[in-house]
Amino acid sequence: MRGEYSHSIDNKGRLFVPARFREELGDKFVITKGLSRCLSVYPMDEWERFEEKIDSLPTKQARQLQLFFIASAHDCEIDAQGRVLVPQKLREYAGLSKNVIVAGMTNYIEIWDEDEWNKLNLTPDSIADIMEAASI
């Protein structure tokens, strides 16, 4: 999954999911807390792999990740209009207002408040530094 799309959340907390992502997410998928105060959206097969990785960790690490990611996870489906209901607690966690960015992250999607997305300050120079350090 890749690409960046601007959308809005309606008064009921529903978000239009870009058609390209709907196909890749499938009928059922998971929305949970993400890092950097965004939301992460996983196709069910990716979510199951993610849970397995967490479950294989030592107990203390697994417990912390379970409390953060799994306890806040919600199984979701797309409605007939191509929207998903984003749970209120998750909207609050990510500070989602009306305008959001839906961004593909290879094997999952992130949902960001548009203002927070714009504050990321990813400049060509900062990205070049990262690429150089990683030998990409």
N, C-alpha and C. Protein backbone atom coordinates (compact mmCIF):
# COMPACT_ATOMS: atom_id res chain seq x y z
N MET A 1 0.84 -1.17 0.00
CA MET A 1 0.00 0.00 0.00
C MET A 1 0.89 1.23 0.00
N ARG A 2 0.59 2.12 -0.91
CA ARG A 2 1.38 3.33 -0.99
C ARG A 2 0.52 4.48 -1.51
N GLY A 3 1.00 5.67 -1.28
CA GLY A 3 0.28 6.86 -1.70
C GLY A 3 -0.20 7.65 -0.50
N GLU A 4 -0.56 8.90 -0.78
CA GLU A 4 -1.02 9.84 0.25
C GLU A 4 -2.30 10.48 -0.26
N TYR A 5 -3.35 10.44 0.56
CA TYR A 5 -4.65 10.95 0.15
C TYR A 5 -5.22 11.85 1.24
N SER A 6 -5.79 12.97 0.83
CA SER A 6 -6.47 13.88 1.75
C SER A 6 -7.96 13.55 1.76
N HIS A 7 -8.51 13.40 2.95
CA HIS A 7 -9.93 13.13 3.11
C HIS A 7 -10.42 13.83 4.36
N SER A 8 -11.72 13.70 4.61
CA SER A 8 -12.27 14.30 5.82
C SER A 8 -13.10 13.26 6.56
N ILE A 9 -13.21 13.48 7.85
CA ILE A 9 -14.04 12.63 8.71
C ILE A 9 -15.35 13.38 8.92
N ASP A 10 -16.47 12.69 8.74
CA ASP A 10 -17.76 13.36 8.92
C ASP A 10 -18.12 13.45 10.40
N ASN A 11 -19.25 14.08 10.70
CA ASN A 11 -19.68 14.31 12.08
C ASN A 11 -19.91 13.02 12.86
N LYS A 12 -20.15 11.91 12.16
CA LYS A 12 -20.37 10.63 12.83
C LYS A 12 -19.09 9.82 13.00
N GLY A 13 -17.96 10.38 12.55
CA GLY A 13 -16.68 9.69 12.70
C GLY A 13 -16.36 8.74 11.57
N ARG A 14 -17.03 8.91 10.43
CA ARG A 14 -16.78 8.03 9.29
C ARG A 14 -15.77 8.66 8.35
N LEU A 15 -14.88 7.82 7.83
CA LEU A 15 -13.81 8.25 6.94
C LEU A 15 -13.93 7.48 5.63
N PHE A 16 -13.88 8.20 4.52
CA PHE A 16 -13.86 7.57 3.21
C PHE A 16 -12.48 6.95 3.01
N VAL A 17 -12.45 5.68 2.66
CA VAL A 17 -11.18 4.98 2.43
C VAL A 17 -10.92 4.96 0.92
N PRO A 18 -9.77 5.45 0.49
CA PRO A 18 -9.47 5.44 -0.95
C PRO A 18 -9.66 4.06 -1.56
N ALA A 19 -10.23 4.03 -2.77
CA ALA A 19 -10.56 2.76 -3.43
C ALA A 19 -9.35 1.83 -3.51
N ARG A 20 -8.19 2.38 -3.80
CA ARG A 20 -6.99 1.55 -3.91
C ARG A 20 -6.72 0.80 -2.60
N PHE A 21 -6.91 1.48 -1.46
CA PHE A 21 -6.68 0.85 -0.17
C PHE A 21 -7.80 -0.13 0.20
N ARG A 22 -9.02 0.18 -0.20
CA ARG A 22 -10.15 -0.73 0.10
C ARG A 22 -9.88 -2.11 -0.46
N GLU A 23 -9.38 -2.17 -1.67
CA GLU A 23 -9.09 -3.46 -2.30
C GLU A 23 -8.04 -4.24 -1.51
N GLU A 24 -7.02 -3.54 -1.06
CA GLU A 24 -5.92 -4.21 -0.35
C GLU A 24 -6.26 -4.54 1.10
N LEU A 25 -7.17 -3.78 1.71
CA LEU A 25 -7.57 -4.06 3.10
C LEU A 25 -8.47 -5.28 3.17
N GLY A 26 -9.27 -5.51 2.16
CA GLY A 26 -10.18 -6.64 2.18
C GLY A 26 -11.46 -6.32 2.94
N ASP A 27 -12.26 -7.35 3.19
CA ASP A 27 -13.57 -7.18 3.82
C ASP A 27 -13.47 -6.75 5.28
N LYS A 28 -12.53 -7.32 6.01
CA LYS A 28 -12.36 -6.99 7.42
C LYS A 28 -10.91 -6.62 7.67
N PHE A 29 -10.71 -5.64 8.54
CA PHE A 29 -9.37 -5.17 8.85
C PHE A 29 -9.37 -4.60 10.26
N VAL A 30 -8.20 -4.17 10.72
CA VAL A 30 -8.05 -3.71 12.11
C VAL A 30 -7.51 -2.28 12.13
N ILE A 31 -8.12 -1.44 12.98
CA ILE A 31 -7.60 -0.10 13.25
C ILE A 31 -7.16 -0.07 14.71
N THR A 32 -5.97 0.48 14.93
CA THR A 32 -5.44 0.57 16.29
C THR A 32 -4.58 1.83 16.42
N LYS A 33 -4.10 2.06 17.62
CA LYS A 33 -3.16 3.16 17.84
C LYS A 33 -1.91 2.92 17.01
N GLY A 34 -1.34 4.01 16.53
CA GLY A 34 -0.08 3.95 15.83
C GLY A 34 0.95 4.75 16.60
N LEU A 35 2.16 4.72 16.13
CA LEU A 35 3.21 5.52 16.74
C LEU A 35 3.06 6.96 16.25
N SER A 36 3.64 7.89 16.95
CA SER A 36 3.60 9.31 16.57
C SER A 36 2.18 9.88 16.55
N ARG A 37 1.29 9.36 17.39
CA ARG A 37 -0.07 9.90 17.53
C ARG A 37 -0.87 9.85 16.22
N CYS A 38 -0.74 8.76 15.51
CA CYS A 38 -1.56 8.51 14.33
C CYS A 38 -2.28 7.18 14.56
N LEU A 39 -3.07 6.75 13.60
CA LEU A 39 -3.72 5.44 13.68
C LEU A 39 -3.11 4.53 12.64
N SER A 40 -3.05 3.25 12.94
CA SER A 40 -2.57 2.24 12.00
C SER A 40 -3.72 1.35 11.60
N VAL A 41 -3.79 1.04 10.31
CA VAL A 41 -4.86 0.22 9.75
C VAL A 41 -4.22 -0.97 9.05
N TYR A 42 -4.53 -2.18 9.52
CA TYR A 42 -3.89 -3.39 9.02
C TYR A 42 -4.90 -4.30 8.32
N PRO A 43 -4.54 -4.83 7.14
CA PRO A 43 -5.34 -5.93 6.60
C PRO A 43 -5.27 -7.09 7.61
N MET A 44 -6.27 -7.92 7.64
CA MET A 44 -6.35 -8.96 8.66
C MET A 44 -5.14 -9.88 8.67
N ASP A 45 -4.61 -10.26 7.50
CA ASP A 45 -3.45 -11.15 7.49
C ASP A 45 -2.21 -10.47 8.09
N GLU A 46 -2.01 -9.19 7.81
CA GLU A 46 -0.89 -8.45 8.40
C GLU A 46 -1.08 -8.30 9.90
N TRP A 47 -2.32 -8.05 10.33
CA TRP A 47 -2.59 -7.91 11.76
C TRP A 47 -2.28 -9.20 12.50
N GLU A 48 -2.67 -10.33 11.93
CA GLU A 48 -2.40 -11.62 12.57
C GLU A 48 -0.90 -11.87 12.69
N ARG A 49 -0.13 -11.51 11.67
CA ARG A 49 1.33 -11.64 11.75
C ARG A 49 1.89 -10.73 12.85
N PHE A 50 1.35 -9.51 12.93
CA PHE A 50 1.77 -8.56 13.95
C PHE A 50 1.49 -9.11 15.35
N GLU A 51 0.30 -9.65 15.58
CA GLU A 51 -0.04 -10.25 16.87
C GLU A 51 0.88 -11.41 17.21
N GLU A 52 1.18 -12.24 16.22
CA GLU A 52 2.08 -13.38 16.46
C GLU A 52 3.46 -12.91 16.89
N LYS A 53 3.96 -11.85 16.26
CA LYS A 53 5.27 -11.31 16.64
C LYS A 53 5.23 -10.81 18.08
N ILE A 54 4.18 -10.12 18.44
CA ILE A 54 4.06 -9.62 19.81
C ILE A 54 4.00 -10.78 20.80
N ASP A 55 3.18 -11.78 20.47
CA ASP A 55 3.03 -12.94 21.37
C ASP A 55 4.32 -13.72 21.55
N SER A 56 5.24 -13.61 20.60
CA SER A 56 6.50 -14.38 20.70
C SER A 56 7.56 -13.67 21.54
N LEU A 57 7.29 -12.46 21.95
CA LEU A 57 8.26 -11.69 22.75
C LEU A 57 8.26 -12.14 24.20
N PRO A 58 9.32 -11.80 24.93
CA PRO A 58 9.31 -12.06 26.37
C PRO A 58 8.09 -11.39 27.01
N THR A 59 7.61 -11.95 28.09
CA THR A 59 6.35 -11.55 28.71
C THR A 59 6.23 -10.05 28.97
N LYS A 60 7.24 -9.43 29.54
CA LYS A 60 7.15 -8.01 29.89
C LYS A 60 7.00 -7.15 28.64
N GLN A 61 7.78 -7.43 27.61
CA GLN A 61 7.67 -6.67 26.36
C GLN A 61 6.33 -6.92 25.69
N ALA A 62 5.94 -8.18 25.63
CA ALA A 62 4.67 -8.53 25.00
C ALA A 62 3.51 -7.82 25.70
N ARG A 63 3.53 -7.81 27.01
CA ARG A 63 2.45 -7.19 27.78
C ARG A 63 2.32 -5.71 27.45
N GLN A 64 3.42 -5.01 27.38
CA GLN A 64 3.37 -3.57 27.08
C GLN A 64 2.82 -3.32 25.68
N LEU A 65 3.25 -4.10 24.71
CA LEU A 65 2.75 -3.94 23.35
C LEU A 65 1.29 -4.35 23.23
N GLN A 66 0.90 -5.39 23.97
CA GLN A 66 -0.50 -5.79 23.97
C GLN A 66 -1.39 -4.68 24.52
N LEU A 67 -0.94 -4.06 25.61
CA LEU A 67 -1.72 -2.98 26.20
C LEU A 67 -1.85 -1.79 25.26
N PHE A 68 -0.80 -1.50 24.52
CA PHE A 68 -0.83 -0.35 23.62
C PHE A 68 -1.58 -0.64 22.32
N PHE A 69 -1.19 -1.71 21.62
CA PHE A 69 -1.75 -1.98 20.30
C PHE A 69 -3.02 -2.84 20.33
N ILE A 70 -2.97 -3.95 21.02
CA ILE A 70 -4.06 -4.92 20.93
C ILE A 70 -5.28 -4.47 21.72
N ALA A 71 -5.07 -3.90 22.89
CA ALA A 71 -6.22 -3.45 23.68
C ALA A 71 -6.99 -2.33 23.00
N SER A 72 -6.32 -1.56 22.17
CA SER A 72 -7.00 -0.45 21.49
C SER A 72 -7.49 -0.82 20.09
N ALA A 73 -7.28 -2.06 19.67
CA ALA A 73 -7.63 -2.49 18.31
C ALA A 73 -9.13 -2.70 18.14
N HIS A 74 -9.59 -2.36 16.95
CA HIS A 74 -11.00 -2.55 16.59
C HIS A 74 -11.07 -3.22 15.23
N ASP A 75 -11.89 -4.28 15.14
CA ASP A 75 -12.17 -4.91 13.85
C ASP A 75 -13.14 -4.00 13.11
N CYS A 76 -12.88 -3.77 11.83
CA CYS A 76 -13.69 -2.83 11.06
C CYS A 76 -14.04 -3.41 9.70
N GLU A 77 -15.06 -2.81 9.10
CA GLU A 77 -15.48 -3.13 7.74
C GLU A 77 -15.82 -1.84 7.02
N ILE A 78 -15.73 -1.87 5.71
CA ILE A 78 -16.10 -0.73 4.87
C ILE A 78 -17.62 -0.79 4.63
N ASP A 79 -18.29 0.36 4.71
CA ASP A 79 -19.72 0.37 4.42
C ASP A 79 -19.94 0.48 2.91
N ALA A 80 -21.20 0.50 2.48
CA ALA A 80 -21.55 0.51 1.06
C ALA A 80 -21.05 1.77 0.34
N GLN A 81 -20.80 2.84 1.09
CA GLN A 81 -20.30 4.08 0.49
C GLN A 81 -18.78 4.20 0.52
N GLY A 82 -18.09 3.14 0.96
CA GLY A 82 -16.63 3.15 0.98
C GLY A 82 -16.05 3.82 2.22
N ARG A 83 -16.84 3.89 3.30
CA ARG A 83 -16.38 4.55 4.52
C ARG A 83 -16.17 3.53 5.63
N VAL A 84 -15.35 3.95 6.60
CA VAL A 84 -15.16 3.16 7.81
C VAL A 84 -15.45 4.07 8.99
N LEU A 85 -16.08 3.51 10.01
CA LEU A 85 -16.32 4.26 11.24
C LEU A 85 -15.06 4.14 12.10
N VAL A 86 -14.44 5.29 12.37
CA VAL A 86 -13.24 5.32 13.21
C VAL A 86 -13.72 5.54 14.65
N PRO A 87 -13.47 4.58 15.54
CA PRO A 87 -13.95 4.71 16.92
C PRO A 87 -13.50 6.01 17.59
N GLN A 88 -14.40 6.56 18.41
CA GLN A 88 -14.16 7.84 19.07
C GLN A 88 -12.85 7.86 19.86
N LYS A 89 -12.58 6.81 20.64
CA LYS A 89 -11.34 6.79 21.45
C LYS A 89 -10.10 6.88 20.56
N LEU A 90 -10.14 6.24 19.41
CA LEU A 90 -8.99 6.30 18.51
C LEU A 90 -8.89 7.67 17.84
N ARG A 91 -10.03 8.27 17.50
CA ARG A 91 -9.99 9.63 16.95
C ARG A 91 -9.39 10.60 17.95
N GLU A 92 -9.76 10.42 19.22
CA GLU A 92 -9.21 11.28 20.28
C GLU A 92 -7.71 11.05 20.44
N TYR A 93 -7.28 9.79 20.46
CA TYR A 93 -5.86 9.47 20.62
C TYR A 93 -5.03 10.18 19.55
N ALA A 94 -5.48 10.11 18.29
CA ALA A 94 -4.71 10.66 17.18
C ALA A 94 -5.00 12.14 16.94
N GLY A 95 -5.91 12.71 17.74
CA GLY A 95 -6.24 14.12 17.57
C GLY A 95 -6.85 14.42 16.22
N LEU A 96 -7.62 13.47 15.69
CA LEU A 96 -8.19 13.64 14.36
C LEU A 96 -9.31 14.67 14.40
N SER A 97 -9.17 15.67 13.55
CA SER A 97 -10.23 16.65 13.38
C SER A 97 -10.92 16.33 12.05
N LYS A 98 -11.40 17.31 11.38
CA LYS A 98 -12.13 17.07 10.13
C LYS A 98 -11.22 16.56 9.01
N ASN A 99 -10.09 17.22 8.80
CA ASN A 99 -9.22 16.89 7.67
C ASN A 99 -8.11 15.94 8.09
N VAL A 100 -7.98 14.86 7.33
CA VAL A 100 -6.98 13.84 7.64
C VAL A 100 -6.19 13.46 6.40
N ILE A 101 -5.06 12.83 6.63
CA ILE A 101 -4.25 12.25 5.57
C ILE A 101 -4.27 10.73 5.77
N VAL A 102 -4.55 10.01 4.70
CA VAL A 102 -4.51 8.55 4.70
C VAL A 102 -3.28 8.18 3.87
N ALA A 103 -2.29 7.56 4.51
CA ALA A 103 -1.01 7.29 3.86
C ALA A 103 -0.68 5.81 3.86
N GLY A 104 -0.32 5.30 2.70
CA GLY A 104 0.12 3.92 2.59
C GLY A 104 1.53 3.76 3.12
N MET A 105 1.75 2.68 3.88
CA MET A 105 3.05 2.43 4.51
C MET A 105 3.55 1.03 4.16
N THR A 106 3.39 0.62 2.95
CA THR A 106 3.78 -0.67 2.39
C THR A 106 2.79 -1.77 2.74
N ASN A 107 2.75 -2.22 4.00
CA ASN A 107 1.87 -3.33 4.36
C ASN A 107 0.73 -2.91 5.30
N TYR A 108 0.60 -1.62 5.57
CA TYR A 108 -0.50 -1.09 6.36
C TYR A 108 -0.70 0.37 6.00
N ILE A 109 -1.70 1.00 6.59
CA ILE A 109 -2.04 2.40 6.32
C ILE A 109 -1.93 3.18 7.63
N GLU A 110 -1.56 4.44 7.54
CA GLU A 110 -1.62 5.34 8.68
C GLU A 110 -2.64 6.43 8.40
N ILE A 111 -3.36 6.83 9.45
CA ILE A 111 -4.31 7.94 9.36
C ILE A 111 -3.80 9.03 10.29
N TRP A 112 -3.58 10.21 9.74
CA TRP A 112 -3.01 11.34 10.47
C TRP A 112 -3.96 12.53 10.43
N ASP A 113 -4.01 13.29 11.49
CA ASP A 113 -4.62 14.60 11.43
C ASP A 113 -3.78 15.43 10.45
N GLU A 114 -4.44 16.15 9.55
CA GLU A 114 -3.71 16.87 8.51
C GLU A 114 -2.69 17.86 9.08
N ASP A 115 -3.05 18.58 10.14
CA ASP A 115 -2.12 19.53 10.74
C ASP A 115 -0.88 18.82 11.29
N GLU A 116 -1.08 17.67 11.94
CA GLU A 116 0.06 16.91 12.48
C GLU A 116 0.94 16.37 11.35
N TRP A 117 0.31 15.90 10.30
CA TRP A 117 1.05 15.41 9.13
C TRP A 117 1.95 16.51 8.58
N ASN A 118 1.40 17.72 8.47
CA ASN A 118 2.16 18.84 7.91
C ASN A 118 3.30 19.28 8.84
N LYS A 119 3.21 18.97 10.13
CA LYS A 119 4.27 19.31 11.08
C LYS A 119 5.45 18.33 11.03
N LEU A 120 5.30 17.23 10.32
CA LEU A 120 6.37 16.23 10.28
C LEU A 120 7.66 16.80 9.71
N ASN A 121 7.54 17.79 8.86
CA ASN A 121 8.71 18.51 8.35
C ASN A 121 9.72 17.57 7.69
N LEU A 122 9.23 16.72 6.82
CA LEU A 122 10.10 15.81 6.07
C LEU A 122 10.60 16.56 4.84
N THR A 123 11.82 17.04 4.93
CA THR A 123 12.40 17.81 3.83
C THR A 123 13.27 16.91 2.97
N PRO A 124 13.50 17.30 1.72
CA PRO A 124 14.40 16.51 0.88
C PRO A 124 15.78 16.33 1.52
N ASP A 125 16.28 17.36 2.20
CA ASP A 125 17.60 17.25 2.83
C ASP A 125 17.59 16.25 3.98
N SER A 126 16.55 16.28 4.82
CA SER A 126 16.50 15.35 5.94
C SER A 126 16.36 13.91 5.46
N ILE A 127 15.59 13.71 4.39
CA ILE A 127 15.43 12.37 3.82
C ILE A 127 16.73 11.91 3.17
N ALA A 128 17.44 12.82 2.50
CA ALA A 128 18.73 12.47 1.89
C ALA A 128 19.73 12.03 2.96
N ASP A 129 19.72 12.70 4.11
CA ASP A 129 20.62 12.32 5.21
C ASP A 129 20.31 10.91 5.69
N ILE A 130 19.04 10.60 5.84
CA ILE A 130 18.64 9.26 6.29
C ILE A 130 19.06 8.22 5.27
N MET A 131 18.81 8.50 3.99
CA MET A 131 19.17 7.56 2.93
C MET A 131 20.68 7.34 2.88
N GLU A 132 21.43 8.38 3.05
CA GLU A 132 22.88 8.25 3.03
C GLU A 132 23.36 7.40 4.20
N ALA A 133 22.83 7.66 5.39
CA ALA A 133 23.22 6.90 6.57
C ALA A 133 22.85 5.43 6.45
N ALA A 134 21.75 5.15 5.74
CA ALA A 134 21.29 3.76 5.59
C ALA A 134 21.84 3.11 4.32
N SER A 135 22.65 3.84 3.57
CA SER A 135 23.21 3.36 2.30
C SER A 135 22.14 2.94 1.31
N ILE A 136 21.12 3.77 1.19
CA ILE A 136 20.03 3.49 0.22
C ILE A 136 20.28 4.29 -1.03
